[in-house]
Amino acid sequence: MAVNITLVGSKWFGSAALAILLEEGVKVLRVVVPTADDRLATAAKAAGIDAFVQDDPRIVPGKAIPDDTDLIVTAHSHARVANEALARARLGGIGYHPSLLPRHRGIAAIEWTIRERDPIAGGSIYHLAERMDAGPIAAQEWCFVRKGETARELWERALAPLGLNLIRKVIRYAKEHGHVPGTPQDEQFATRAPLIREPVSAD
């Protein structure tokens, strides 16, 4: 069945997600971006897709979501999708988070994966909800963390490609079944991954 998407995102990962959606034959009604010169906005313009620039980069308002949106997809977005925005999409919204949720909920998931010396990392497609990164899981996949690997290296080698594959997998499921699967997260395993602020040197 046809699935109309509004894509909320930014930078390389947002533009790569757009390419995946177009490859899968879904209609992308609009992209929602933090700035007019963002890489995703440029990619959307090249594909003839409307771009909505957020007034506040921290939130996606209802007016950003066009009529006939079936599903909101977020890809490299740190903005909260308002409840009124989610309500405008028939199937709600999903996002990609670079951790095995409910572990490492927050903006610095990969950094905390490295800091905690996790031997295994992964990615999750989850339903957008009121609490950050806490909605039901639609799909997950894991990978090993190499010894000595940095957060950027882990992202580029494994977690970004894994995320794009998961987006493709869930979109195919939605097209075939008309809904997005969801398994509640187990709160007893939840951990937080807030922004890491390195201490300032005294010298």
N, C-alpha and C. Protein backbone atom coordinates (compact mmCIF):
# COMPACT_ATOMS: atom_id res chain seq x y z
N MET A 1 0.84 -1.19 0.00
CA MET A 1 0.00 0.00 0.00
C MET A 1 0.87 1.24 0.00
N ALA A 2 0.30 2.34 -0.45
CA ALA A 2 1.04 3.59 -0.51
C ALA A 2 1.26 4.15 0.90
N VAL A 3 2.44 4.68 1.13
CA VAL A 3 2.76 5.31 2.41
C VAL A 3 3.37 6.68 2.11
N ASN A 4 2.71 7.74 2.58
CA ASN A 4 3.20 9.10 2.40
C ASN A 4 4.01 9.51 3.63
N ILE A 5 5.22 9.99 3.38
CA ILE A 5 6.17 10.28 4.46
C ILE A 5 6.45 11.77 4.57
N THR A 6 6.57 12.25 5.82
CA THR A 6 7.23 13.53 6.09
C THR A 6 8.52 13.19 6.83
N LEU A 7 9.64 13.63 6.28
CA LEU A 7 10.96 13.31 6.84
C LEU A 7 11.50 14.50 7.61
N VAL A 8 11.80 14.28 8.87
CA VAL A 8 12.38 15.30 9.74
C VAL A 8 13.84 14.92 9.97
N GLY A 9 14.78 15.79 9.61
CA GLY A 9 16.16 15.39 9.80
C GLY A 9 17.14 16.47 9.41
N SER A 10 18.40 16.05 9.28
CA SER A 10 19.46 17.00 8.94
C SER A 10 20.72 16.26 8.50
N LYS A 11 21.62 17.01 7.94
CA LYS A 11 22.98 16.58 7.63
C LYS A 11 23.03 15.36 6.70
N TRP A 12 24.17 14.65 6.75
CA TRP A 12 24.36 13.54 5.83
C TRP A 12 23.35 12.43 6.06
N PHE A 13 23.11 12.08 7.33
CA PHE A 13 22.23 10.95 7.60
C PHE A 13 20.80 11.25 7.14
N GLY A 14 20.36 12.49 7.32
CA GLY A 14 19.03 12.87 6.83
C GLY A 14 18.92 12.73 5.33
N SER A 15 19.95 13.18 4.60
CA SER A 15 19.92 13.09 3.14
C SER A 15 20.02 11.64 2.69
N ALA A 16 20.78 10.82 3.42
CA ALA A 16 20.89 9.40 3.08
C ALA A 16 19.55 8.69 3.33
N ALA A 17 18.85 9.08 4.40
CA ALA A 17 17.53 8.51 4.67
C ALA A 17 16.54 8.90 3.56
N LEU A 18 16.63 10.13 3.08
CA LEU A 18 15.78 10.55 1.98
C LEU A 18 16.01 9.67 0.75
N ALA A 19 17.27 9.39 0.46
CA ALA A 19 17.58 8.54 -0.69
C ALA A 19 16.98 7.15 -0.53
N ILE A 20 17.04 6.60 0.68
CA ILE A 20 16.45 5.28 0.96
C ILE A 20 14.95 5.31 0.72
N LEU A 21 14.28 6.35 1.23
CA LEU A 21 12.83 6.44 1.08
C LEU A 21 12.44 6.52 -0.40
N LEU A 22 13.18 7.30 -1.16
CA LEU A 22 12.89 7.43 -2.58
C LEU A 22 13.15 6.11 -3.32
N GLU A 23 14.21 5.40 -2.92
CA GLU A 23 14.49 4.10 -3.52
C GLU A 23 13.35 3.12 -3.26
N GLU A 24 12.72 3.23 -2.08
CA GLU A 24 11.64 2.32 -1.70
C GLU A 24 10.30 2.69 -2.33
N GLY A 25 10.27 3.79 -3.07
CA GLY A 25 9.08 4.14 -3.83
C GLY A 25 7.97 4.79 -3.03
N VAL A 26 8.28 5.24 -1.79
CA VAL A 26 7.25 5.96 -1.04
C VAL A 26 7.25 7.42 -1.47
N LYS A 27 6.14 8.09 -1.24
CA LYS A 27 6.07 9.51 -1.57
C LYS A 27 6.49 10.33 -0.36
N VAL A 28 7.54 11.14 -0.54
CA VAL A 28 7.98 12.04 0.51
C VAL A 28 7.32 13.39 0.26
N LEU A 29 6.37 13.73 1.10
CA LEU A 29 5.60 14.96 0.91
C LEU A 29 6.41 16.20 1.23
N ARG A 30 7.27 16.08 2.24
CA ARG A 30 8.02 17.25 2.70
C ARG A 30 9.19 16.79 3.56
N VAL A 31 10.25 17.59 3.61
CA VAL A 31 11.28 17.41 4.62
C VAL A 31 11.21 18.59 5.58
N VAL A 32 11.52 18.34 6.83
CA VAL A 32 11.53 19.36 7.87
C VAL A 32 12.96 19.47 8.36
N VAL A 33 13.54 20.67 8.26
CA VAL A 33 14.97 20.86 8.52
C VAL A 33 15.19 22.03 9.47
N PRO A 34 16.34 22.05 10.19
CA PRO A 34 16.62 23.14 11.12
C PRO A 34 17.05 24.43 10.45
N THR A 35 17.69 24.33 9.27
CA THR A 35 18.15 25.52 8.55
C THR A 35 17.94 25.33 7.05
N ALA A 36 17.79 26.44 6.34
CA ALA A 36 17.51 26.39 4.90
C ALA A 36 18.69 25.85 4.10
N ASP A 37 19.91 25.96 4.66
CA ASP A 37 21.09 25.49 3.92
C ASP A 37 21.55 24.11 4.35
N ASP A 38 20.71 23.41 5.12
CA ASP A 38 21.07 22.07 5.57
C ASP A 38 21.20 21.12 4.37
N ARG A 39 22.04 20.12 4.54
CA ARG A 39 22.28 19.16 3.45
C ARG A 39 21.00 18.44 3.02
N LEU A 40 20.13 18.15 3.99
CA LEU A 40 18.86 17.49 3.65
C LEU A 40 17.98 18.42 2.82
N ALA A 41 17.97 19.70 3.16
CA ALA A 41 17.18 20.67 2.39
C ALA A 41 17.67 20.73 0.94
N THR A 42 18.98 20.71 0.78
CA THR A 42 19.57 20.74 -0.56
C THR A 42 19.19 19.50 -1.36
N ALA A 43 19.25 18.33 -0.70
CA ALA A 43 18.89 17.08 -1.37
C ALA A 43 17.41 17.08 -1.74
N ALA A 44 16.56 17.60 -0.86
CA ALA A 44 15.13 17.65 -1.14
C ALA A 44 14.84 18.56 -2.34
N LYS A 45 15.50 19.70 -2.37
CA LYS A 45 15.31 20.63 -3.48
C LYS A 45 15.68 19.98 -4.81
N ALA A 46 16.77 19.24 -4.80
CA ALA A 46 17.22 18.56 -6.02
C ALA A 46 16.21 17.51 -6.49
N ALA A 47 15.46 16.95 -5.52
CA ALA A 47 14.47 15.93 -5.84
C ALA A 47 13.07 16.52 -6.06
N GLY A 48 12.97 17.86 -5.98
CA GLY A 48 11.68 18.52 -6.19
C GLY A 48 10.73 18.37 -5.02
N ILE A 49 11.28 18.23 -3.81
CA ILE A 49 10.48 18.04 -2.60
C ILE A 49 10.50 19.31 -1.77
N ASP A 50 9.34 19.66 -1.22
CA ASP A 50 9.20 20.84 -0.39
C ASP A 50 10.00 20.71 0.90
N ALA A 51 10.62 21.81 1.35
CA ALA A 51 11.35 21.83 2.61
C ALA A 51 10.74 22.86 3.55
N PHE A 52 10.47 22.45 4.76
CA PHE A 52 9.93 23.34 5.80
C PHE A 52 11.05 23.61 6.79
N VAL A 53 11.39 24.89 6.99
CA VAL A 53 12.46 25.26 7.92
C VAL A 53 11.82 25.59 9.27
N GLN A 54 12.29 24.92 10.31
CA GLN A 54 11.73 25.10 11.64
C GLN A 54 11.99 26.51 12.17
N ASP A 55 10.99 27.10 12.80
CA ASP A 55 11.19 28.38 13.48
C ASP A 55 12.08 28.18 14.70
N ASP A 56 11.87 27.07 15.39
CA ASP A 56 12.65 26.69 16.57
C ASP A 56 13.24 25.31 16.29
N PRO A 57 14.57 25.20 16.20
CA PRO A 57 15.17 23.90 15.86
C PRO A 57 14.95 22.82 16.91
N ARG A 58 14.38 23.19 18.07
CA ARG A 58 14.17 22.21 19.14
C ARG A 58 12.82 21.52 19.06
N ILE A 59 11.93 22.01 18.19
CA ILE A 59 10.60 21.42 18.15
C ILE A 59 10.04 21.42 16.73
N VAL A 60 9.28 20.38 16.41
CA VAL A 60 8.57 20.28 15.13
C VAL A 60 7.09 20.53 15.41
N PRO A 61 6.55 21.66 14.96
CA PRO A 61 5.15 21.99 15.26
C PRO A 61 4.19 21.28 14.32
N GLY A 62 2.92 21.31 14.68
CA GLY A 62 1.90 20.67 13.86
C GLY A 62 1.87 21.20 12.45
N LYS A 63 2.10 22.52 12.28
CA LYS A 63 2.01 23.12 10.95
C LYS A 63 3.08 22.61 9.99
N ALA A 64 4.12 21.96 10.54
CA ALA A 64 5.19 21.43 9.68
C ALA A 64 4.78 20.16 8.95
N ILE A 65 3.72 19.51 9.42
CA ILE A 65 3.32 18.22 8.87
C ILE A 65 2.18 18.41 7.89
N PRO A 66 2.38 18.14 6.60
CA PRO A 66 1.34 18.38 5.60
C PRO A 66 0.19 17.37 5.71
N ASP A 67 -0.94 17.77 5.14
CA ASP A 67 -2.07 16.86 5.04
C ASP A 67 -1.66 15.60 4.28
N ASP A 68 -2.34 14.52 4.58
CA ASP A 68 -2.12 13.23 3.91
C ASP A 68 -0.83 12.53 4.32
N THR A 69 -0.17 13.02 5.38
CA THR A 69 1.01 12.31 5.89
C THR A 69 0.56 11.03 6.59
N ASP A 70 1.12 9.91 6.19
CA ASP A 70 0.85 8.65 6.87
C ASP A 70 1.82 8.42 8.02
N LEU A 71 3.09 8.78 7.80
CA LEU A 71 4.13 8.47 8.78
C LEU A 71 5.19 9.56 8.79
N ILE A 72 5.58 9.96 9.99
CA ILE A 72 6.71 10.88 10.17
C ILE A 72 7.95 10.03 10.45
N VAL A 73 9.03 10.30 9.74
CA VAL A 73 10.30 9.60 9.97
C VAL A 73 11.34 10.64 10.36
N THR A 74 12.05 10.40 11.47
CA THR A 74 13.12 11.31 11.86
C THR A 74 14.47 10.64 11.65
N ALA A 75 15.43 11.41 11.13
CA ALA A 75 16.76 10.89 10.83
C ALA A 75 17.78 12.00 11.10
N HIS A 76 18.54 11.84 12.17
CA HIS A 76 19.48 12.86 12.65
C HIS A 76 18.73 14.15 12.96
N SER A 77 17.75 14.02 13.84
CA SER A 77 17.01 15.19 14.31
C SER A 77 17.02 15.20 15.83
N HIS A 78 17.39 16.34 16.41
CA HIS A 78 17.36 16.47 17.87
C HIS A 78 16.13 17.25 18.32
N ALA A 79 15.20 17.48 17.40
CA ALA A 79 13.99 18.23 17.72
C ALA A 79 12.91 17.29 18.26
N ARG A 80 12.13 17.78 19.20
CA ARG A 80 10.98 17.02 19.69
C ARG A 80 9.82 17.24 18.73
N VAL A 81 9.21 16.15 18.29
CA VAL A 81 8.04 16.24 17.42
C VAL A 81 6.82 16.42 18.32
N ALA A 82 6.18 17.58 18.24
CA ALA A 82 5.06 17.90 19.12
C ALA A 82 3.92 16.91 18.95
N ASN A 83 3.14 16.74 20.01
CA ASN A 83 1.99 15.83 19.95
C ASN A 83 1.05 16.21 18.81
N GLU A 84 0.85 17.51 18.60
CA GLU A 84 -0.06 17.94 17.53
C GLU A 84 0.48 17.57 16.16
N ALA A 85 1.82 17.51 16.05
CA ALA A 85 2.43 17.08 14.79
C ALA A 85 2.23 15.57 14.59
N LEU A 86 2.46 14.80 15.64
CA LEU A 86 2.26 13.35 15.55
C LEU A 86 0.81 13.02 15.21
N ALA A 87 -0.11 13.80 15.76
CA ALA A 87 -1.53 13.54 15.54
C ALA A 87 -1.93 13.76 14.08
N ARG A 88 -1.12 14.50 13.34
CA ARG A 88 -1.44 14.77 11.93
C ARG A 88 -1.00 13.64 11.01
N ALA A 89 -0.25 12.67 11.54
CA ALA A 89 0.21 11.53 10.75
C ALA A 89 -0.59 10.29 11.13
N ARG A 90 -1.15 9.63 10.15
CA ARG A 90 -2.06 8.49 10.40
C ARG A 90 -1.40 7.40 11.25
N LEU A 91 -0.11 7.14 11.00
CA LEU A 91 0.60 6.08 11.71
C LEU A 91 1.55 6.63 12.78
N GLY A 92 1.46 7.92 13.06
CA GLY A 92 2.36 8.52 14.04
C GLY A 92 3.75 8.76 13.48
N GLY A 93 4.76 8.55 14.31
CA GLY A 93 6.13 8.82 13.88
C GLY A 93 7.11 7.80 14.41
N ILE A 94 8.20 7.63 13.68
CA ILE A 94 9.29 6.75 14.10
C ILE A 94 10.61 7.49 13.94
N GLY A 95 11.60 7.05 14.71
CA GLY A 95 12.93 7.63 14.60
C GLY A 95 14.00 6.57 14.75
N TYR A 96 15.20 6.90 14.30
CA TYR A 96 16.34 6.00 14.48
C TYR A 96 17.20 6.51 15.63
N HIS A 97 17.53 5.60 16.55
CA HIS A 97 18.40 5.93 17.68
C HIS A 97 19.58 4.96 17.68
N PRO A 98 20.82 5.48 17.74
CA PRO A 98 21.99 4.61 17.62
C PRO A 98 22.37 3.92 18.93
N SER A 99 21.43 3.17 19.49
CA SER A 99 21.71 2.32 20.64
C SER A 99 20.68 1.20 20.67
N LEU A 100 20.94 0.22 21.51
CA LEU A 100 19.97 -0.85 21.72
C LEU A 100 19.02 -0.41 22.83
N LEU A 101 18.05 0.42 22.46
CA LEU A 101 17.09 0.91 23.45
C LEU A 101 16.46 -0.27 24.19
N PRO A 102 16.23 -0.07 25.52
CA PRO A 102 16.22 1.19 26.27
C PRO A 102 17.58 1.64 26.81
N ARG A 103 18.66 0.96 26.46
CA ARG A 103 19.97 1.42 26.91
C ARG A 103 20.38 2.69 26.15
N HIS A 104 20.99 3.61 26.89
CA HIS A 104 21.55 4.85 26.33
C HIS A 104 20.50 5.74 25.65
N ARG A 105 19.44 6.03 26.36
CA ARG A 105 18.49 7.03 25.86
C ARG A 105 19.11 8.42 26.01
N GLY A 106 19.11 9.19 24.94
CA GLY A 106 19.63 10.54 25.03
C GLY A 106 20.48 10.93 23.84
N ILE A 107 20.98 12.14 23.89
CA ILE A 107 21.63 12.76 22.74
C ILE A 107 23.03 12.20 22.47
N ALA A 108 23.65 11.57 23.48
CA ALA A 108 25.05 11.13 23.33
C ALA A 108 25.15 9.61 23.46
N ALA A 109 24.26 8.90 22.79
CA ALA A 109 24.21 7.44 22.93
C ALA A 109 25.52 6.76 22.54
N ILE A 110 26.11 7.18 21.42
CA ILE A 110 27.33 6.51 20.95
C ILE A 110 28.50 6.81 21.87
N GLU A 111 28.58 8.06 22.33
CA GLU A 111 29.65 8.44 23.25
C GLU A 111 29.57 7.63 24.54
N TRP A 112 28.35 7.40 25.03
CA TRP A 112 28.19 6.61 26.26
C TRP A 112 28.47 5.13 25.99
N THR A 113 28.19 4.66 24.80
CA THR A 113 28.54 3.29 24.44
C THR A 113 30.05 3.08 24.57
N ILE A 114 30.83 4.06 24.10
CA ILE A 114 32.29 4.00 24.19
C ILE A 114 32.75 4.18 25.63
N ARG A 115 32.17 5.17 26.31
CA ARG A 115 32.58 5.47 27.70
C ARG A 115 32.32 4.29 28.63
N GLU A 116 31.20 3.59 28.41
CA GLU A 116 30.85 2.44 29.26
C GLU A 116 31.54 1.15 28.83
N ARG A 117 32.34 1.24 27.77
CA ARG A 117 33.06 0.09 27.23
C ARG A 117 32.12 -1.06 26.88
N ASP A 118 30.98 -0.72 26.30
CA ASP A 118 30.04 -1.74 25.86
C ASP A 118 30.69 -2.58 24.76
N PRO A 119 30.68 -3.90 24.86
CA PRO A 119 31.25 -4.72 23.79
C PRO A 119 30.33 -4.82 22.58
N ILE A 120 29.04 -4.55 22.82
CA ILE A 120 28.04 -4.63 21.75
C ILE A 120 27.28 -3.31 21.69
N ALA A 121 27.05 -2.83 20.48
CA ALA A 121 26.24 -1.64 20.26
C ALA A 121 25.11 -2.02 19.32
N GLY A 122 24.37 -1.03 18.86
CA GLY A 122 23.31 -1.34 17.92
C GLY A 122 22.45 -0.13 17.65
N GLY A 123 21.36 -0.37 16.95
CA GLY A 123 20.45 0.71 16.60
C GLY A 123 19.02 0.26 16.74
N SER A 124 18.14 1.24 16.95
CA SER A 124 16.72 0.95 17.16
C SER A 124 15.86 1.92 16.35
N ILE A 125 14.85 1.39 15.68
CA ILE A 125 13.77 2.22 15.16
C ILE A 125 12.66 2.16 16.21
N TYR A 126 12.26 3.31 16.71
CA TYR A 126 11.29 3.35 17.80
C TYR A 126 10.17 4.33 17.46
N HIS A 127 9.04 4.15 18.09
CA HIS A 127 7.91 5.05 17.91
C HIS A 127 8.14 6.32 18.72
N LEU A 128 7.94 7.48 18.09
CA LEU A 128 8.08 8.75 18.80
C LEU A 128 6.98 8.84 19.85
N ALA A 129 7.36 9.28 21.05
CA ALA A 129 6.43 9.35 22.17
C ALA A 129 6.74 10.59 23.00
N GLU A 130 5.96 10.78 24.06
CA GLU A 130 6.13 11.96 24.91
C GLU A 130 7.52 11.99 25.55
N ARG A 131 7.99 10.86 26.04
CA ARG A 131 9.31 10.80 26.66
C ARG A 131 10.37 10.45 25.62
N MET A 132 11.53 11.08 25.77
CA MET A 132 12.60 10.92 24.79
C MET A 132 13.05 9.46 24.66
N ASP A 133 13.04 8.97 23.45
CA ASP A 133 13.58 7.65 23.11
C ASP A 133 12.90 6.51 23.87
N ALA A 134 11.65 6.72 24.30
CA ALA A 134 11.00 5.74 25.18
C ALA A 134 9.84 4.99 24.53
N GLY A 135 9.53 5.29 23.27
CA GLY A 135 8.41 4.64 22.61
C GLY A 135 8.70 3.19 22.25
N PRO A 136 7.67 2.44 21.85
CA PRO A 136 7.84 1.04 21.48
C PRO A 136 8.85 0.86 20.35
N ILE A 137 9.52 -0.29 20.37
CA ILE A 137 10.55 -0.61 19.38
C ILE A 137 9.91 -1.25 18.15
N ALA A 138 10.22 -0.69 16.98
CA ALA A 138 9.73 -1.27 15.71
C ALA A 138 10.73 -2.26 15.12
N ALA A 139 12.02 -2.00 15.31
CA ALA A 139 13.06 -2.89 14.78
C ALA A 139 14.39 -2.57 15.46
N GLN A 140 15.22 -3.58 15.63
CA GLN A 140 16.54 -3.41 16.24
C GLN A 140 17.55 -4.32 15.56
N GLU A 141 18.82 -3.89 15.62
CA GLU A 141 19.93 -4.73 15.14
C GLU A 141 21.16 -4.38 15.96
N TRP A 142 22.07 -5.32 16.10
CA TRP A 142 23.25 -5.09 16.93
C TRP A 142 24.52 -5.25 16.11
N CYS A 143 25.63 -4.78 16.71
CA CYS A 143 26.95 -4.96 16.11
C CYS A 143 27.98 -4.99 17.23
N PHE A 144 29.13 -5.55 16.96
CA PHE A 144 30.23 -5.51 17.92
C PHE A 144 30.91 -4.14 17.89
N VAL A 145 31.49 -3.75 19.02
CA VAL A 145 32.31 -2.55 19.10
C VAL A 145 33.77 -2.98 19.07
N ARG A 146 34.52 -2.42 18.15
CA ARG A 146 35.94 -2.77 18.07
C ARG A 146 36.72 -2.14 19.22
N LYS A 147 37.76 -2.79 19.68
CA LYS A 147 38.60 -2.24 20.74
C LYS A 147 39.29 -0.97 20.24
N GLY A 148 39.23 0.08 21.05
CA GLY A 148 39.87 1.33 20.69
C GLY A 148 39.09 2.20 19.74
N GLU A 149 37.91 1.77 19.36
CA GLU A 149 37.11 2.52 18.41
C GLU A 149 36.55 3.79 19.04
N THR A 150 36.56 4.89 18.28
CA THR A 150 35.94 6.13 18.75
C THR A 150 34.46 6.14 18.40
N ALA A 151 33.74 7.09 19.00
CA ALA A 151 32.32 7.21 18.71
C ALA A 151 32.08 7.49 17.22
N ARG A 152 32.87 8.38 16.64
CA ARG A 152 32.71 8.69 15.22
C ARG A 152 33.01 7.47 14.36
N GLU A 153 34.05 6.74 14.69
CA GLU A 153 34.41 5.55 13.91
C GLU A 153 33.30 4.50 13.98
N LEU A 154 32.73 4.32 15.17
CA LEU A 154 31.64 3.35 15.33
C LEU A 154 30.42 3.77 14.53
N TRP A 155 30.12 5.06 14.56
CA TRP A 155 28.98 5.59 13.78
C TRP A 155 29.19 5.35 12.29
N GLU A 156 30.34 5.74 11.79
CA GLU A 156 30.58 5.66 10.35
C GLU A 156 30.71 4.22 9.86
N ARG A 157 31.35 3.36 10.64
CA ARG A 157 31.57 1.98 10.22
C ARG A 157 30.30 1.15 10.30
N ALA A 158 29.55 1.31 11.41
CA ALA A 158 28.48 0.36 11.68
C ALA A 158 27.11 0.98 11.91
N LEU A 159 27.02 1.98 12.75
CA LEU A 159 25.70 2.42 13.21
C LEU A 159 24.93 3.23 12.17
N ALA A 160 25.61 4.01 11.36
CA ALA A 160 24.89 4.74 10.31
C ALA A 160 24.36 3.78 9.23
N PRO A 161 25.20 2.89 8.68
CA PRO A 161 24.66 1.93 7.71
C PRO A 161 23.56 1.05 8.29
N LEU A 162 23.73 0.63 9.55
CA LEU A 162 22.73 -0.19 10.22
C LEU A 162 21.40 0.57 10.30
N GLY A 163 21.48 1.86 10.64
CA GLY A 163 20.27 2.67 10.75
C GLY A 163 19.52 2.81 9.43
N LEU A 164 20.25 3.01 8.37
CA LEU A 164 19.62 3.13 7.05
C LEU A 164 18.94 1.81 6.65
N ASN A 165 19.59 0.69 6.98
CA ASN A 165 18.99 -0.62 6.68
C ASN A 165 17.71 -0.83 7.49
N LEU A 166 17.73 -0.39 8.75
CA LEU A 166 16.53 -0.53 9.59
C LEU A 166 15.39 0.35 9.08
N ILE A 167 15.71 1.56 8.64
CA ILE A 167 14.68 2.43 8.07
C ILE A 167 14.04 1.74 6.86
N ARG A 168 14.87 1.19 6.00
CA ARG A 168 14.37 0.48 4.82
C ARG A 168 13.46 -0.68 5.24
N LYS A 169 13.90 -1.44 6.23
CA LYS A 169 13.15 -2.61 6.69
C LYS A 169 11.76 -2.21 7.22
N VAL A 170 11.71 -1.15 8.02
CA VAL A 170 10.43 -0.75 8.62
C VAL A 170 9.51 -0.14 7.57
N ILE A 171 10.06 0.62 6.64
CA ILE A 171 9.24 1.19 5.57
C ILE A 171 8.63 0.08 4.72
N ARG A 172 9.41 -0.94 4.42
CA ARG A 172 8.88 -2.07 3.65
C ARG A 172 7.75 -2.76 4.42
N TYR A 173 7.92 -2.90 5.72
CA TYR A 173 6.88 -3.52 6.55
C TYR A 173 5.60 -2.67 6.51
N ALA A 174 5.77 -1.35 6.66
CA ALA A 174 4.60 -0.46 6.65
C ALA A 174 3.87 -0.52 5.32
N LYS A 175 4.62 -0.58 4.23
CA LYS A 175 4.00 -0.68 2.90
C LYS A 175 3.21 -1.98 2.75
N GLU A 176 3.76 -3.06 3.30
CA GLU A 176 3.12 -4.37 3.14
C GLU A 176 1.93 -4.56 4.07
N HIS A 177 2.05 -4.07 5.31
CA HIS A 177 1.05 -4.38 6.34
C HIS A 177 0.14 -3.21 6.71
N GLY A 178 0.51 -2.00 6.31
CA GLY A 178 -0.34 -0.86 6.62
C GLY A 178 -0.20 -0.32 8.03
N HIS A 179 0.79 -0.82 8.77
CA HIS A 179 1.06 -0.29 10.11
C HIS A 179 2.54 -0.52 10.43
N VAL A 180 2.98 0.03 11.56
CA VAL A 180 4.36 -0.12 12.00
C VAL A 180 4.37 -0.98 13.26
N PRO A 181 5.18 -2.05 13.31
CA PRO A 181 5.20 -2.90 14.49
C PRO A 181 5.73 -2.15 15.71
N GLY A 182 5.42 -2.65 16.90
CA GLY A 182 5.90 -2.00 18.11
C GLY A 182 5.90 -2.93 19.30
N THR A 183 7.06 -3.03 19.97
CA THR A 183 7.19 -3.81 21.20
C THR A 183 7.61 -2.87 22.31
N PRO A 184 6.87 -2.80 23.44
CA PRO A 184 7.22 -1.86 24.51
C PRO A 184 8.63 -2.09 25.02
N GLN A 185 9.30 -1.00 25.38
CA GLN A 185 10.63 -1.10 25.98
C GLN A 185 10.51 -1.57 27.43
N ASP A 186 11.51 -2.32 27.87
CA ASP A 186 11.55 -2.80 29.25
C ASP A 186 12.28 -1.76 30.11
N GLU A 187 11.52 -1.06 30.93
CA GLU A 187 12.08 0.08 31.67
C GLU A 187 13.17 -0.32 32.66
N GLN A 188 13.20 -1.58 33.10
CA GLN A 188 14.21 -1.97 34.09
C GLN A 188 15.63 -1.89 33.50
N PHE A 189 15.73 -1.87 32.17
CA PHE A 189 17.05 -1.82 31.53
C PHE A 189 17.40 -0.43 30.99
N ALA A 190 16.56 0.56 31.27
CA ALA A 190 16.77 1.90 30.71
C ALA A 190 17.95 2.60 31.38
N THR A 191 18.79 3.23 30.54
CA THR A 191 19.87 4.08 31.04
C THR A 191 19.85 5.38 30.24
N ARG A 192 20.44 6.42 30.80
CA ARG A 192 20.44 7.73 30.15
C ARG A 192 21.80 8.00 29.52
N ALA A 193 21.75 8.79 28.43
CA ALA A 193 22.99 9.16 27.72
C ALA A 193 22.96 10.67 27.45
N PRO A 194 23.07 11.47 28.50
CA PRO A 194 23.05 12.93 28.31
C PRO A 194 24.33 13.41 27.64
N LEU A 195 24.28 14.65 27.16
CA LEU A 195 25.45 15.26 26.54
C LEU A 195 26.63 15.22 27.51
N ILE A 196 27.78 14.80 27.02
CA ILE A 196 28.98 14.73 27.85
C ILE A 196 29.73 16.06 27.74
N ARG A 197 29.87 16.70 28.86
CA ARG A 197 30.63 17.97 28.90
C ARG A 197 31.99 17.69 29.54
N GLU A 198 33.00 17.78 28.72
CA GLU A 198 34.35 17.49 29.24
C GLU A 198 34.79 18.59 30.21
N PRO A 199 35.47 18.23 31.32
CA PRO A 199 35.93 19.25 32.26
C PRO A 199 36.92 20.20 31.61
N VAL A 200 36.85 21.47 31.96
CA VAL A 200 37.74 22.49 31.42
C VAL A 200 39.08 22.42 32.13
N SER A 201 40.15 22.41 31.35
CA SER A 201 41.49 22.35 31.93
C SER A 201 41.81 23.63 32.70
N ALA A 202 42.53 23.48 33.81
CA ALA A 202 42.84 24.63 34.66
C ALA A 202 43.97 25.47 34.09
N ASP A 203 44.77 24.92 33.17
CA ASP A 203 45.91 25.71 32.66
C ASP A 203 45.60 26.40 31.34
